[in-house]
C-alpha atoms as a PDB file:
ATOM      1  CA  MET A   1     -26.584  10.462  17.747  1.00  0.00           C
ATOM      2  CA  LYS A   2     -24.086   8.572  19.919  1.00  0.00           C
ATOM      3  CA  GLN A   3     -26.946   7.356  22.148  1.00  0.00           C
ATOM      4  CA  VAL A   4     -28.669   5.856  19.099  1.00  0.00           C
ATOM      5  CA  LYS A   5     -25.487   3.987  18.178  1.00  0.00           C
ATOM      6  CA  GLN A   6     -25.179   2.571  21.709  1.00  0.00           C
ATOM      7  CA  THR A   7     -28.827   1.527  21.584  1.00  0.00           C
ATOM      8  CA  ASP A   8     -28.212  -0.144  18.237  1.00  0.00           C
ATOM      9  CA  LEU A   9     -25.196  -1.966  19.689  1.00  0.00           C
ATOM     10  CA  ASP A  10     -27.253  -3.084  22.677  1.00  0.00           C
ATOM     11  CA  PHE A  11     -29.961  -4.394  20.366  1.00  0.00           C
ATOM     12  CA  GLU A  12     -27.466  -6.255  18.178  1.00  0.00           C
ATOM     13  CA  ILE A  13     -25.669  -7.722  21.186  1.00  0.00           C
ATOM     14  CA  GLY A  14     -28.987  -8.935  22.602  1.00  0.00           C
ATOM     15  CA  PHE A  15     -29.896 -10.477  19.262  1.00  0.00           C
ATOM     16  CA  TYR A  16     -26.609 -12.362  18.892  1.00  0.00           C
ATOM     17  CA  GLU A  17     -26.585 -13.433  22.543  1.00  0.00           C
ATOM     18  CA  GLY A  18     -30.052 -14.909  21.963  1.00  0.00           C
ATOM     19  CA  LEU A  19     -28.769 -16.843  18.975  1.00  0.00           C
ATOM     20  CA  LEU A  20     -25.814 -18.034  21.007  1.00  0.00           C
ATOM     21  CA  GLU A  21     -28.151 -19.577  23.580  1.00  0.00           C
ATOM     22  CA  LYS A  22     -29.587 -21.779  20.829  1.00  0.00           C
ATOM     23  CA  ARG A  23     -26.333 -22.615  19.035  1.00  0.00           C
ATOM     24  CA  HIS A  24     -23.188 -22.300  21.122  1.00  0.00           C
ATOM     25  CA  ASP A  25     -20.873 -23.140  18.249  1.00  0.00           C
ATOM     26  CA  PHE A  26     -22.306 -21.013  15.421  1.00  0.00           C
ATOM     27  CA  LEU A  27     -19.096 -19.522  14.041  1.00  0.00           C
ATOM     28  CA  GLN A  28     -20.484 -16.428  12.281  1.00  0.00           C
ATOM     29  CA  ASN A  29     -22.591 -15.578  15.321  1.00  0.00           C
ATOM     30  CA  LEU A  30     -19.559 -15.778  17.597  1.00  0.00           C
ATOM     31  CA  ILE A  31     -17.509 -13.606  15.239  1.00  0.00           C
ATOM     32  CA  MET A  32     -20.212 -10.920  15.165  1.00  0.00           C
ATOM     33  CA  LEU A  33     -20.768 -11.044  18.916  1.00  0.00           C
ATOM     34  CA  GLY A  34     -17.042 -10.713  19.613  1.00  0.00           C
ATOM     35  CA  GLU A  35     -16.839  -7.699  17.315  1.00  0.00           C
ATOM     36  CA  LEU A  36     -19.881  -6.076  18.939  1.00  0.00           C
ATOM     37  CA  TYR A  37     -18.539  -6.611  22.453  1.00  0.00           C
ATOM     38  CA  THR A  38     -15.287  -4.937  21.450  1.00  0.00           C
ATOM     39  CA  ARG A  39     -17.049  -2.003  19.780  1.00  0.00           C
ATOM     40  CA  LYS A  40     -19.102  -1.525  22.958  1.00  0.00           C
ATOM     41  CA  GLY A  41     -15.955  -1.609  25.110  1.00  0.00           C
ATOM     42  CA  LEU A  42     -16.791  -4.969  26.701  1.00  0.00           C
ATOM     43  CA  TYR A  43     -13.248  -6.196  26.163  1.00  0.00           C
ATOM     44  CA  GLN A  44     -13.297  -9.103  28.625  1.00  0.00           C
ATOM     45  CA  LYS A  45     -16.434 -10.530  26.997  1.00  0.00           C
ATOM     46  CA  GLY A  46     -14.841 -10.016  23.579  1.00  0.00           C
ATOM     47  CA  LEU A  47     -11.749 -11.880  24.742  1.00  0.00           C
ATOM     48  CA  GLU A  48     -13.815 -14.827  25.948  1.00  0.00           C
ATOM     49  CA  ILE A  49     -15.490 -15.055  22.538  1.00  0.00           C
ATOM     50  CA  ASP A  50     -12.145 -14.763  20.722  1.00  0.00           C
ATOM     51  CA  LYS A  51     -10.641 -17.515  22.882  1.00  0.00           C
ATOM     52  CA  LYS A  52     -13.572 -19.782  22.036  1.00  0.00           C
ATOM     53  CA  LEU A  53     -13.176 -18.979  18.338  1.00  0.00           C
ATOM     54  CA  ALA A  54      -9.443 -19.725  18.503  1.00  0.00           C
ATOM     55  CA  LYS A  55     -10.217 -23.153  19.962  1.00  0.00           C
ATOM     56  CA  MET A  56     -12.701 -23.792  17.169  1.00  0.00           C
ATOM     57  CA  ARG A  57     -10.394 -22.527  14.397  1.00  0.00           C
ATOM     58  CA  PRO A  58      -6.819 -22.702  15.792  1.00  0.00           C
ATOM     59  CA  GLU A  59      -5.148 -21.922  12.469  1.00  0.00           C
ATOM     60  CA  ASP A  60      -7.413 -19.128  11.238  1.00  0.00           C
ATOM     61  CA  PRO A  61      -5.167 -16.071  10.897  1.00  0.00           C
ATOM     62  CA  VAL A  62      -7.971 -13.504  11.249  1.00  0.00           C
ATOM     63  CA  ILE A  63      -9.384 -15.141  14.364  1.00  0.00           C
ATOM     64  CA  LEU A  64      -5.902 -15.274  15.885  1.00  0.00           C
ATOM     65  CA  TYR A  65      -5.310 -11.635  14.943  1.00  0.00           C
ATOM     66  CA  ASN A  66      -8.565 -10.653  16.657  1.00  0.00           C
ATOM     67  CA  LEU A  67      -7.453 -12.618  19.706  1.00  0.00           C
ATOM     68  CA  ALA A  68      -4.225 -10.609  19.745  1.00  0.00           C
ATOM     69  CA  CYS A  69      -6.287  -7.416  19.612  1.00  0.00           C
ATOM     70  CA  SER A  70      -8.468  -8.517  22.523  1.00  0.00           C
ATOM     71  CA  TYR A  71      -5.448  -9.337  24.642  1.00  0.00           C
ATOM     72  CA  SER A  72      -3.888  -5.985  23.773  1.00  0.00           C
ATOM     73  CA  LEU A  73      -7.049  -4.097  24.712  1.00  0.00           C
ATOM     74  CA  LEU A  74      -6.824  -5.734  28.145  1.00  0.00           C
ATOM     75  CA  SER A  75      -3.067  -4.999  28.406  1.00  0.00           C
ATOM     76  CA  GLN A  76      -2.179  -8.686  28.366  1.00  0.00           C
ATOM     77  CA  ILE A  77       0.854  -7.998  26.237  1.00  0.00           C
ATOM     78  CA  ASP A  78       2.615 -11.373  26.358  1.00  0.00           C
ATOM     79  CA  HIS A  79      -0.581 -13.153  25.319  1.00  0.00           C
ATOM     80  CA  SER A  80      -1.156 -10.540  22.631  1.00  0.00           C
ATOM     81  CA  PHE A  81       2.330 -11.106  21.213  1.00  0.00           C
ATOM     82  CA  ALA A  82       1.866 -14.858  21.214  1.00  0.00           C
ATOM     83  CA  ALA A  83      -1.476 -14.624  19.396  1.00  0.00           C
ATOM     84  CA  LEU A  84      -0.130 -12.100  16.874  1.00  0.00           C
ATOM     85  CA  LYS A  85       2.908 -14.253  16.109  1.00  0.00           C
ATOM     86  CA  LEU A  86       0.676 -17.268  15.609  1.00  0.00           C
ATOM     87  CA  ALA A  87      -1.651 -15.242  13.359  1.00  0.00           C
ATOM     88  CA  VAL A  88       1.303 -14.230  11.167  1.00  0.00           C
ATOM     89  CA  GLN A  89       2.599 -17.812  11.075  1.00  0.00           C
ATOM     90  CA  CYS A  90      -0.840 -18.951   9.952  1.00  0.00           C
ATOM     91  CA  GLY A  91      -0.885 -16.440   7.111  1.00  0.00           C
ATOM     92  CA  TYR A  92      -2.007 -13.071   8.468  1.00  0.00           C
ATOM     93  CA  ASP A  93      -0.364 -10.578   6.140  1.00  0.00           C
ATOM     94  CA  GLU A  94      -2.336  -7.328   6.426  1.00  0.00           C
ATOM     95  CA  ILE A  95       0.640  -5.488   7.868  1.00  0.00           C
ATOM     96  CA  ASP A  96      -0.663  -2.026   6.924  1.00  0.00           C
ATOM     97  CA  HIS A  97      -3.859  -2.731   8.868  1.00  0.00           C
ATOM     98  CA  LEU A  98      -1.846  -4.077  11.794  1.00  0.00           C
ATOM     99  CA  GLU A  99       0.198  -0.875  11.934  1.00  0.00           C
ATOM    100  CA  GLN A 100      -2.927   1.314  11.989  1.00  0.00           C
ATOM    101  CA  ASP A 101      -5.131  -0.823  14.231  1.00  0.00           C
ATOM    102  CA  GLU A 102      -5.823   1.065  17.459  1.00  0.00           C
ATOM    103  CA  ASP A 103      -6.829  -2.152  19.196  1.00  0.00           C
ATOM    104  CA  LEU A 104      -3.125  -3.014  19.235  1.00  0.00           C
ATOM    105  CA  ASN A 105      -1.997   0.292  20.771  1.00  0.00           C
ATOM    106  CA  ASN A 106      -1.021  -1.326  24.079  1.00  0.00           C
ATOM    107  CA  LEU A 107       1.011  -3.949  22.251  1.00  0.00           C
ATOM    108  CA  LYS A 108       2.686  -1.312  20.105  1.00  0.00           C
ATOM    109  CA  GLN A 109       4.001   0.381  23.260  1.00  0.00           C
ATOM    110  CA  ASP A 110       5.987  -2.729  24.161  1.00  0.00           C
ATOM    111  CA  PRO A 111       9.695  -2.384  23.321  1.00  0.00           C
ATOM    112  CA  ARG A 112       9.645  -5.741  21.480  1.00  0.00           C
ATOM    113  CA  PHE A 113       7.071  -4.558  18.954  1.00  0.00           C
ATOM    114  CA  PRO A 114       9.261  -2.465  16.584  1.00  0.00           C
ATOM    115  CA  ALA A 115      11.722  -5.324  16.083  1.00  0.00           C
ATOM    116  CA  TYR A 116       8.903  -7.795  15.464  1.00  0.00           C
ATOM    117  CA  LEU A 117       7.227  -5.432  13.015  1.00  0.00           C
ATOM    118  CA  ALA A 118      10.505  -5.041  11.118  1.00  0.00           C
ATOM    119  CA  GLN A 119      10.844  -8.821  11.065  1.00  0.00           C
ATOM    120  CA  ILE A 120       7.425  -9.461   9.565  1.00  0.00           C
ATOM    121  CA  LYS A 121       7.886  -6.678   7.017  1.00  0.00           C
ATOM    122  CA  SER A 122      11.181  -8.150   5.815  1.00  0.00           C
ATOM    123  CA  PRO A 123      10.701 -10.571   2.902  1.00  0.00           C
ATOM    124  CA  ASN A 124      13.970 -12.310   3.833  1.00  0.00           C
ATOM    125  CA  LEU A 125      12.775 -13.132   7.327  1.00  0.00           C
ATOM    126  CA  LYS A 126       9.152 -14.090   6.661  1.00  0.00           C
ATOM    127  CA  ASN A 127       9.991 -17.763   6.312  1.00  0.00           C
ATOM    128  CA  SER A 128      11.942 -17.836   9.570  1.00  0.00           C
ATOM    129  CA  LEU A 129       9.121 -16.622  11.804  1.00  0.00           C
ATOM    130  CA  SER A 130       8.781 -18.669  14.934  1.00  0.00           C
ATOM    131  CA  PRO A 131       6.884 -18.193  18.176  1.00  0.00           C
ATOM    132  CA  GLN A 132       8.874 -17.205  21.235  1.00  0.00           C
END
């Protein structure tokens, strides 16, 4: 069964890569391709897609959150923190998802993470969020 899923992922990746050759800036295609790369474990390729998306939509909280996840998966913790902070500043508020998201496991191991999580959960501090 797992082999079938990998084959399906390979097929989907090939399909979206083909579309990307025709339209380099097709937003939905890039989003899907980035997600597929990550699901397949191709984290560096996923990061490259997420960086391109962040340039296209620099204030999109979900795109910035996904960028933070990609950086975390590659253990680029400082970049992950910066992207996560920007995502929250731009309106990302799915804190329960953030806490459960395994893509952020490397980031969560950083000693700065618990204090930042407490900060974004605190209604009194939400308006004072600033990038560091």
